[in-house]
Amino acid sequence: MRLLVFQHIDCEHPGILRKFLAGDGLDWDAVELDAGEPIPRLEDYDALWVMGGPMDVWDVEEHPWLVPEKQAIRRWVRELDRPFLGLCLGHQLLADALGGRCEAQHPPEIGMLEVELTPQGVRDPIFAGMAKRQKCLQWHSVHVAQPPEEAIVLASSDVCRVQAMRIGNHAWSMQYHVEIEPDTVTNWGAVPAYRQALEATLGTDALSRLEVAAAANMKDCNGNAESLYRNFMASIDDFPS
């Protein structure tokens, strides 16, 4: 199995998911789009993960590589129909690339917060064996206001209706972060754009409080991450070669 990962900033990598990939002996290729690395031939890969980042889906003038990235996502999901996982910005890019609409989130959703699976989410294979309500890390100022026409909403929160969705049979995305590790909040807090959004939403001491909250929920978050990873890999096993 060959995995391709689109990254948009060095510190937003697959996080704890790397541990599970290593445990399964799976190699993966990361493309740092923000650093100008080119998108490789998509046909050479079996799965695509798209991670988060500080830019917004509409920032195409400042980040022109967003245009070919969206084209690649559209082709991956619509034409190649291969397994896809998008997280945070990756969730928004999937929606935007397939004809959905993203808008500013008011107020930004930041913190260790709860999402709830929809009835469709409870039955979806990506959440098999997972609780209906889950605590997770949120850190976003944009949300999917209108999902693509064919999307099935799998999870929601009080302030963000489209927390998770599925497109077709092999593409999933989550607005929240499943990949967190013990140093994730600290590392992201060092990014000026992330720190500014955090403090504007939760106050000047927000980073230290979020570090404590993340640590208190880390075991459950990592358990959910492993379950989601195993479920995603099962979808690849079921995928026709």
C-alpha atoms as a PDB file:
ATOM      1  CA  MET A   1       0.000   0.000   0.000  1.00  0.00           C
ATOM      2  CA  ARG A   2       1.364   3.409  -1.009  1.00  0.00           C
ATOM      3  CA  LEU A   3       0.122   6.473   0.875  1.00  0.00           C
ATOM      4  CA  LEU A   4       0.424  10.065  -0.354  1.00  0.00           C
ATOM      5  CA  VAL A   5       0.111  12.934   2.150  1.00  0.00           C
ATOM      6  CA  PHE A   6      -0.475  16.583   1.238  1.00  0.00           C
ATOM      7  CA  GLN A   7       0.954  18.942   3.895  1.00  0.00           C
ATOM      8  CA  HIS A   8       0.553  22.719   4.090  1.00  0.00           C
ATOM      9  CA  ILE A   9       2.870  23.546   7.000  1.00  0.00           C
ATOM     10  CA  ASP A  10       5.676  21.475   8.515  1.00  0.00           C
ATOM     11  CA  CYS A  11       4.073  21.035  11.954  1.00  0.00           C
ATOM     12  CA  GLU A  12       0.767  19.691  10.582  1.00  0.00           C
ATOM     13  CA  HIS A  13       1.832  16.176   9.666  1.00  0.00           C
ATOM     14  CA  PRO A  14      -0.096  12.938  10.301  1.00  0.00           C
ATOM     15  CA  GLY A  15       0.832  13.089  14.002  1.00  0.00           C
ATOM     16  CA  ILE A  16      -0.070   9.961  15.996  1.00  0.00           C
ATOM     17  CA  LEU A  17      -1.173   8.291  12.764  1.00  0.00           C
ATOM     18  CA  ARG A  18       2.537   7.969  11.899  1.00  0.00           C
ATOM     19  CA  LYS A  19       2.904   5.548  14.813  1.00  0.00           C
ATOM     20  CA  PHE A  20       0.216   3.282  13.398  1.00  0.00           C
ATOM     21  CA  LEU A  21       1.706   3.431   9.910  1.00  0.00           C
ATOM     22  CA  ALA A  22       5.125   2.476  11.315  1.00  0.00           C
ATOM     23  CA  GLY A  23       3.588  -0.355  13.326  1.00  0.00           C
ATOM     24  CA  ASP A  24       2.080  -1.737  10.125  1.00  0.00           C
ATOM     25  CA  GLY A  25       5.370  -1.315   8.277  1.00  0.00           C
ATOM     26  CA  LEU A  26       3.850   1.127   5.784  1.00  0.00           C
ATOM     27  CA  ASP A  27       5.865   3.803   4.010  1.00  0.00           C
ATOM     28  CA  TRP A  28       4.315   7.130   3.045  1.00  0.00           C
ATOM     29  CA  ASP A  29       5.310  10.097   0.923  1.00  0.00           C
ATOM     30  CA  ALA A  30       4.668  13.652   2.122  1.00  0.00           C
ATOM     31  CA  VAL A  31       4.397  16.521  -0.339  1.00  0.00           C
ATOM     32  CA  GLU A  32       5.060  19.940   1.249  1.00  0.00           C
ATOM     33  CA  LEU A  33       2.858  22.021  -1.014  1.00  0.00           C
ATOM     34  CA  ASP A  34       3.656  25.239   0.873  1.00  0.00           C
ATOM     35  CA  ALA A  35       7.343  24.650   0.135  1.00  0.00           C
ATOM     36  CA  GLY A  36       6.733  24.321  -3.588  1.00  0.00           C
ATOM     37  CA  GLU A  37       7.032  20.545  -3.842  1.00  0.00           C
ATOM     38  CA  PRO A  38       5.200  19.167  -6.899  1.00  0.00           C
ATOM     39  CA  ILE A  39       2.254  16.789  -6.765  1.00  0.00           C
ATOM     40  CA  PRO A  40       3.433  13.384  -8.012  1.00  0.00           C
ATOM     41  CA  ARG A  41       1.585  11.050 -10.352  1.00  0.00           C
ATOM     42  CA  LEU A  42      -1.595  10.154  -8.474  1.00  0.00           C
ATOM     43  CA  GLU A  43      -1.975   6.743 -10.098  1.00  0.00           C
ATOM     44  CA  ASP A  44       1.116   5.552  -8.212  1.00  0.00           C
ATOM     45  CA  TYR A  45      -0.718   5.741  -4.858  1.00  0.00           C
ATOM     46  CA  ASP A  46      -3.467   3.792  -3.132  1.00  0.00           C
ATOM     47  CA  ALA A  47      -4.614   6.388  -0.570  1.00  0.00           C
ATOM     48  CA  LEU A  48      -4.450  10.164  -0.103  1.00  0.00           C
ATOM     49  CA  TRP A  49      -4.452  12.082   3.180  1.00  0.00           C
ATOM     50  CA  VAL A  50      -4.767  15.886   3.198  1.00  0.00           C
ATOM     51  CA  MET A  51      -3.722  17.621   6.400  1.00  0.00           C
ATOM     52  CA  GLY A  52      -4.434  21.012   7.998  1.00  0.00           C
ATOM     53  CA  GLY A  53      -2.761  24.379   7.571  1.00  0.00           C
ATOM     54  CA  PRO A  54      -3.006  28.100   8.420  1.00  0.00           C
ATOM     55  CA  MET A  55      -4.267  29.214   5.004  1.00  0.00           C
ATOM     56  CA  ASP A  56      -7.902  29.271   3.872  1.00  0.00           C
ATOM     57  CA  VAL A  57      -9.358  27.488   0.861  1.00  0.00           C
ATOM     58  CA  TRP A  58      -9.890  30.797  -0.962  1.00  0.00           C
ATOM     59  CA  ASP A  59      -6.312  32.096  -0.466  1.00  0.00           C
ATOM     60  CA  VAL A  60      -5.335  31.170  -4.025  1.00  0.00           C
ATOM     61  CA  GLU A  61      -3.561  34.432  -4.839  1.00  0.00           C
ATOM     62  CA  GLU A  62      -1.243  34.139  -1.844  1.00  0.00           C
ATOM     63  CA  HIS A  63      -0.939  30.362  -2.218  1.00  0.00           C
ATOM     64  CA  PRO A  64      -1.409  29.538  -5.930  1.00  0.00           C
ATOM     65  CA  TRP A  65      -0.577  25.863  -5.324  1.00  0.00           C
ATOM     66  CA  LEU A  66      -4.056  25.540  -3.802  1.00  0.00           C
ATOM     67  CA  VAL A  67      -5.452  25.487  -7.344  1.00  0.00           C
ATOM     68  CA  PRO A  68      -3.634  22.326  -8.539  1.00  0.00           C
ATOM     69  CA  GLU A  69      -4.173  20.776  -5.108  1.00  0.00           C
ATOM     70  CA  LYS A  70      -7.945  21.148  -5.450  1.00  0.00           C
ATOM     71  CA  GLN A  71      -7.720  19.755  -8.970  1.00  0.00           C
ATOM     72  CA  ALA A  72      -5.788  16.749  -7.654  1.00  0.00           C
ATOM     73  CA  ILE A  73      -8.334  16.160  -4.872  1.00  0.00           C
ATOM     74  CA  ARG A  74     -11.200  16.383  -7.349  1.00  0.00           C
ATOM     75  CA  ARG A  75      -9.526  13.934  -9.698  1.00  0.00           C
ATOM     76  CA  TRP A  76      -8.607  11.578  -6.851  1.00  0.00           C
ATOM     77  CA  VAL A  77     -12.146  11.375  -5.501  1.00  0.00           C
ATOM     78  CA  ARG A  78     -14.246  11.773  -8.634  1.00  0.00           C
ATOM     79  CA  GLU A  79     -12.163  10.012 -11.296  1.00  0.00           C
ATOM     80  CA  LEU A  80      -9.819   7.620  -9.504  1.00  0.00           C
ATOM     81  CA  ASP A  81     -12.327   6.953  -6.696  1.00  0.00           C
ATOM     82  CA  ARG A  82      -9.614   5.894  -4.258  1.00  0.00           C
ATOM     83  CA  PRO A  83      -9.551   6.116  -0.426  1.00  0.00           C
ATOM     84  CA  PHE A  84      -9.204   9.682   0.882  1.00  0.00           C
ATOM     85  CA  LEU A  85      -8.935  11.229   4.355  1.00  0.00           C
ATOM     86  CA  GLY A  86      -8.995  14.993   4.937  1.00  0.00           C
ATOM     87  CA  LEU A  87      -8.438  16.735   8.280  1.00  0.00           C
ATOM     88  CA  CYS A  88      -9.314  20.380   9.084  1.00  0.00           C
ATOM     89  CA  LEU A  89      -8.106  22.288   6.005  1.00  0.00           C
ATOM     90  CA  GLY A  90      -8.188  18.941   4.195  1.00  0.00           C
ATOM     91  CA  HIS A  91     -11.899  18.666   5.083  1.00  0.00           C
ATOM     92  CA  GLN A  92     -12.559  22.150   3.727  1.00  0.00           C
ATOM     93  CA  LEU A  93     -10.531  21.515   0.562  1.00  0.00           C
ATOM     94  CA  LEU A  94     -12.533  18.374  -0.157  1.00  0.00           C
ATOM     95  CA  ALA A  95     -15.770  20.340   0.121  1.00  0.00           C
ATOM     96  CA  ASP A  96     -14.483  23.226  -1.995  1.00  0.00           C
ATOM     97  CA  ALA A  97     -12.963  20.981  -4.655  1.00  0.00           C
ATOM     98  CA  LEU A  98     -16.236  19.088  -5.129  1.00  0.00           C
ATOM     99  CA  GLY A  99     -18.554  22.066  -5.381  1.00  0.00           C
ATOM    100  CA  GLY A 100     -19.344  22.774  -1.730  1.00  0.00           C
ATOM    101  CA  ARG A 101     -18.913  26.146  -0.013  1.00  0.00           C
ATOM    102  CA  CYS A 102     -16.720  27.204   2.910  1.00  0.00           C
ATOM    103  CA  GLU A 103     -17.249  30.329   5.009  1.00  0.00           C
ATOM    104  CA  ALA A 104     -15.705  32.016   8.034  1.00  0.00           C
ATOM    105  CA  GLN A 105     -16.598  30.362  11.333  1.00  0.00           C
ATOM    106  CA  HIS A 106     -18.116  32.817  13.826  1.00  0.00           C
ATOM    107  CA  PRO A 107     -16.903  32.456  16.459  1.00  0.00           C
ATOM    108  CA  PRO A 108     -13.852  30.305  15.677  1.00  0.00           C
ATOM    109  CA  GLU A 109     -14.131  26.824  17.158  1.00  0.00           C
ATOM    110  CA  ILE A 110     -10.997  26.252  19.244  1.00  0.00           C
ATOM    111  CA  GLY A 111     -10.406  23.975  22.221  1.00  0.00           C
ATOM    112  CA  MET A 112     -11.007  20.426  23.413  1.00  0.00           C
ATOM    113  CA  LEU A 113     -14.645  20.194  22.394  1.00  0.00           C
ATOM    114  CA  GLU A 114     -17.273  17.573  21.718  1.00  0.00           C
ATOM    115  CA  VAL A 115     -18.627  16.334  18.409  1.00  0.00           C
ATOM    116  CA  GLU A 116     -21.569  13.992  18.007  1.00  0.00           C
ATOM    117  CA  LEU A 117     -22.054  11.409  15.291  1.00  0.00           C
ATOM    118  CA  THR A 118     -25.200  11.722  13.209  1.00  0.00           C
ATOM    119  CA  PRO A 119     -27.362   8.617  12.690  1.00  0.00           C
ATOM    120  CA  GLN A 120     -25.527   8.143   9.395  1.00  0.00           C
ATOM    121  CA  GLY A 121     -22.196   8.537  11.204  1.00  0.00           C
ATOM    122  CA  VAL A 122     -23.076   5.882  13.763  1.00  0.00           C
ATOM    123  CA  ARG A 123     -23.597   3.442  10.897  1.00  0.00           C
ATOM    124  CA  ASP A 124     -20.602   4.537   8.811  1.00  0.00           C
ATOM    125  CA  PRO A 125     -17.636   2.123   8.690  1.00  0.00           C
ATOM    126  CA  ILE A 126     -15.113   4.904   9.410  1.00  0.00           C
ATOM    127  CA  PHE A 127     -16.565   5.260  12.942  1.00  0.00           C
ATOM    128  CA  ALA A 128     -17.095   1.549  13.615  1.00  0.00           C
ATOM    129  CA  GLY A 129     -16.611   0.746  17.298  1.00  0.00           C
ATOM    130  CA  MET A 130     -16.383   4.417  18.316  1.00  0.00           C
ATOM    131  CA  ALA A 131     -18.532   6.399  20.759  1.00  0.00           C
ATOM    132  CA  LYS A 132     -21.375   8.563  19.487  1.00  0.00           C
ATOM    133  CA  ARG A 133     -19.942  11.558  21.376  1.00  0.00           C
ATOM    134  CA  GLN A 134     -16.210  12.246  21.207  1.00  0.00           C
ATOM    135  CA  LYS A 135     -13.898  14.895  22.649  1.00  0.00           C
ATOM    136  CA  CYS A 136     -11.434  16.228  20.101  1.00  0.00           C
ATOM    137  CA  LEU A 137      -9.140  19.137  19.333  1.00  0.00           C
ATOM    138  CA  GLN A 138     -10.726  21.941  17.328  1.00  0.00           C
ATOM    139  CA  TRP A 139      -8.679  24.820  15.908  1.00  0.00           C
ATOM    140  CA  HIS A 140     -10.472  26.366  12.944  1.00  0.00           C
ATOM    141  CA  SER A 141     -11.803  29.729  11.801  1.00  0.00           C
ATOM    142  CA  VAL A 142     -13.464  28.418   8.620  1.00  0.00           C
ATOM    143  CA  HIS A 143     -16.190  25.800   8.270  1.00  0.00           C
ATOM    144  CA  VAL A 144     -18.002  23.908   5.541  1.00  0.00           C
ATOM    145  CA  ALA A 145     -21.175  25.973   5.183  1.00  0.00           C
ATOM    146  CA  GLN A 146     -22.572  23.897   2.318  1.00  0.00           C
ATOM    147  CA  PRO A 147     -21.206  20.394   1.732  1.00  0.00           C
ATOM    148  CA  PRO A 148     -21.043  18.976  -1.795  1.00  0.00           C
ATOM    149  CA  GLU A 149     -24.371  17.774  -3.126  1.00  0.00           C
ATOM    150  CA  GLU A 150     -23.521  14.094  -2.710  1.00  0.00           C
ATOM    151  CA  ALA A 151     -21.991  14.442   0.777  1.00  0.00           C
ATOM    152  CA  ILE A 152     -23.331  12.570   3.795  1.00  0.00           C
ATOM    153  CA  VAL A 153     -22.808  14.474   7.064  1.00  0.00           C
ATOM    154  CA  LEU A 154     -21.402  12.071   9.664  1.00  0.00           C
ATOM    155  CA  ALA A 155     -20.768  14.306  12.703  1.00  0.00           C
ATOM    156  CA  SER A 156     -21.811  17.741  13.980  1.00  0.00           C
ATOM    157  CA  SER A 157     -21.309  20.127  16.887  1.00  0.00           C
ATOM    158  CA  ASP A 158     -23.440  22.916  18.325  1.00  0.00           C
ATOM    159  CA  VAL A 159     -21.670  25.588  16.253  1.00  0.00           C
ATOM    160  CA  CYS A 160     -20.511  23.611  13.205  1.00  0.00           C
ATOM    161  CA  ARG A 161     -22.956  21.340  11.400  1.00  0.00           C
ATOM    162  CA  VAL A 162     -20.464  19.583   9.109  1.00  0.00           C
ATOM    163  CA  GLN A 163     -17.837  18.144  11.457  1.00  0.00           C
ATOM    164  CA  ALA A 164     -17.356  15.018   9.369  1.00  0.00           C
ATOM    165  CA  MET A 165     -18.608  13.863   6.002  1.00  0.00           C
ATOM    166  CA  ARG A 166     -18.306  11.110   3.447  1.00  0.00           C
ATOM    167  CA  ILE A 167     -18.266  11.443  -0.332  1.00  0.00           C
ATOM    168  CA  GLY A 168     -19.064   8.264  -2.234  1.00  0.00           C
ATOM    169  CA  ASN A 169     -17.739   5.061  -0.693  1.00  0.00           C
ATOM    170  CA  HIS A 170     -14.075   5.891  -0.102  1.00  0.00           C
ATOM    171  CA  ALA A 171     -13.633   9.578   0.838  1.00  0.00           C
ATOM    172  CA  TRP A 172     -13.950  10.837   4.407  1.00  0.00           C
ATOM    173  CA  SER A 173     -13.060  14.112   6.081  1.00  0.00           C
ATOM    174  CA  MET A 174     -13.203  15.670   9.546  1.00  0.00           C
ATOM    175  CA  GLN A 175     -13.143  19.329  10.556  1.00  0.00           C
ATOM    176  CA  TYR A 176     -11.535  18.400  13.871  1.00  0.00           C
ATOM    177  CA  HIS A 177      -8.127  16.887  14.546  1.00  0.00           C
ATOM    178  CA  VAL A 178      -7.833  13.155  15.181  1.00  0.00           C
ATOM    179  CA  GLU A 179      -4.038  13.075  14.812  1.00  0.00           C
ATOM    180  CA  ILE A 180      -2.930  14.907  17.966  1.00  0.00           C
ATOM    181  CA  GLU A 181       0.104  13.909  20.049  1.00  0.00           C
ATOM    182  CA  PRO A 182       1.359  15.180  23.449  1.00  0.00           C
ATOM    183  CA  ASP A 183       3.348  18.002  21.805  1.00  0.00           C
ATOM    184  CA  THR A 184       0.771  19.023  19.172  1.00  0.00           C
ATOM    185  CA  VAL A 185      -0.793  21.972  21.011  1.00  0.00           C
ATOM    186  CA  THR A 186       2.614  23.357  22.009  1.00  0.00           C
ATOM    187  CA  ASN A 187       3.949  23.063  18.461  1.00  0.00           C
ATOM    188  CA  TRP A 188       0.899  24.649  16.873  1.00  0.00           C
ATOM    189  CA  GLY A 189       0.887  27.396  19.480  1.00  0.00           C
ATOM    190  CA  ALA A 190       4.277  28.479  18.118  1.00  0.00           C
ATOM    191  CA  VAL A 191       2.685  29.297  14.740  1.00  0.00           C
ATOM    192  CA  PRO A 192       1.760  33.020  14.860  1.00  0.00           C
ATOM    193  CA  ALA A 193      -1.532  32.626  12.978  1.00  0.00           C
ATOM    194  CA  TYR A 194      -2.632  29.772  15.243  1.00  0.00           C
ATOM    195  CA  ARG A 195      -1.552  31.550  18.430  1.00  0.00           C
ATOM    196  CA  GLN A 196      -3.384  34.724  17.394  1.00  0.00           C
ATOM    197  CA  ALA A 197      -6.626  32.848  16.673  1.00  0.00           C
ATOM    198  CA  LEU A 198      -6.325  30.940  19.946  1.00  0.00           C
ATOM    199  CA  GLU A 199      -5.784  34.010  22.119  1.00  0.00           C
ATOM    200  CA  ALA A 200      -8.405  36.077  20.297  1.00  0.00           C
ATOM    201  CA  THR A 201     -10.948  33.351  21.000  1.00  0.00           C
ATOM    202  CA  LEU A 202      -9.969  32.109  24.468  1.00  0.00           C
ATOM    203  CA  GLY A 203      -7.730  34.785  26.032  1.00  0.00           C
ATOM    204  CA  THR A 204      -4.038  35.443  26.553  1.00  0.00           C
ATOM    205  CA  ASP A 205      -3.455  32.379  28.767  1.00  0.00           C
ATOM    206  CA  ALA A 206      -5.298  30.082  26.381  1.00  0.00           C
ATOM    207  CA  LEU A 207      -2.268  28.083  25.220  1.00  0.00           C
ATOM    208  CA  SER A 208      -1.378  26.790  28.674  1.00  0.00           C
ATOM    209  CA  ARG A 209      -5.012  25.932  29.405  1.00  0.00           C
ATOM    210  CA  LEU A 210      -5.384  24.131  26.104  1.00  0.00           C
ATOM    211  CA  GLU A 211      -2.197  22.154  26.758  1.00  0.00           C
ATOM    212  CA  VAL A 212      -3.678  20.961  30.061  1.00  0.00           C
ATOM    213  CA  ALA A 213      -7.026  20.098  28.481  1.00  0.00           C
ATOM    214  CA  ALA A 214      -5.375  18.202  25.635  1.00  0.00           C
ATOM    215  CA  ALA A 215      -3.215  16.195  28.031  1.00  0.00           C
ATOM    216  CA  ALA A 216      -6.286  15.258  30.082  1.00  0.00           C
ATOM    217  CA  ASN A 217      -8.016  13.884  26.963  1.00  0.00           C
ATOM    218  CA  MET A 218      -4.971  12.494  25.135  1.00  0.00           C
ATOM    219  CA  LYS A 219      -5.585   8.822  25.906  1.00  0.00           C
ATOM    220  CA  ASP A 220      -9.144   8.900  24.557  1.00  0.00           C
ATOM    221  CA  CYS A 221      -8.136  10.996  21.540  1.00  0.00           C
ATOM    222  CA  ASN A 222      -5.346   8.597  20.628  1.00  0.00           C
ATOM    223  CA  GLY A 223      -7.675   5.621  21.061  1.00  0.00           C
ATOM    224  CA  ASN A 224     -10.160   7.235  18.691  1.00  0.00           C
ATOM    225  CA  ALA A 225      -7.339   7.984  16.254  1.00  0.00           C
ATOM    226  CA  GLU A 226      -6.275   4.350  16.194  1.00  0.00           C
ATOM    227  CA  SER A 227      -9.854   3.170  15.678  1.00  0.00           C
ATOM    228  CA  LEU A 228     -10.320   5.600  12.804  1.00  0.00           C
ATOM    229  CA  TYR A 229      -6.987   4.563  11.297  1.00  0.00           C
ATOM    230  CA  ARG A 230      -7.888   0.859  11.486  1.00  0.00           C
ATOM    231  CA  ASN A 231     -11.292   1.534   9.970  1.00  0.00           C
ATOM    232  CA  PHE A 232      -9.750   3.555   7.143  1.00  0.00           C
ATOM    233  CA  MET A 233      -7.214   0.823   6.413  1.00  0.00           C
ATOM    234  CA  ALA A 234     -10.022  -1.729   6.330  1.00  0.00           C
ATOM    235  CA  SER A 235     -11.619   0.376   3.590  1.00  0.00           C
ATOM    236  CA  ILE A 236      -8.432  -0.008   1.558  1.00  0.00           C
ATOM    237  CA  ASP A 237      -8.455  -3.772   2.105  1.00  0.00           C
ATOM    238  CA  ASP A 238     -12.006  -3.787   0.744  1.00  0.00           C
ATOM    239  CA  PHE A 239     -11.086  -1.548  -2.198  1.00  0.00           C
ATOM    240  CA  PRO A 240     -11.008  -3.383  -5.551  1.00  0.00           C
ATOM    241  CA  SER A 241      -7.455  -3.558  -6.916  1.00  0.00           C
END
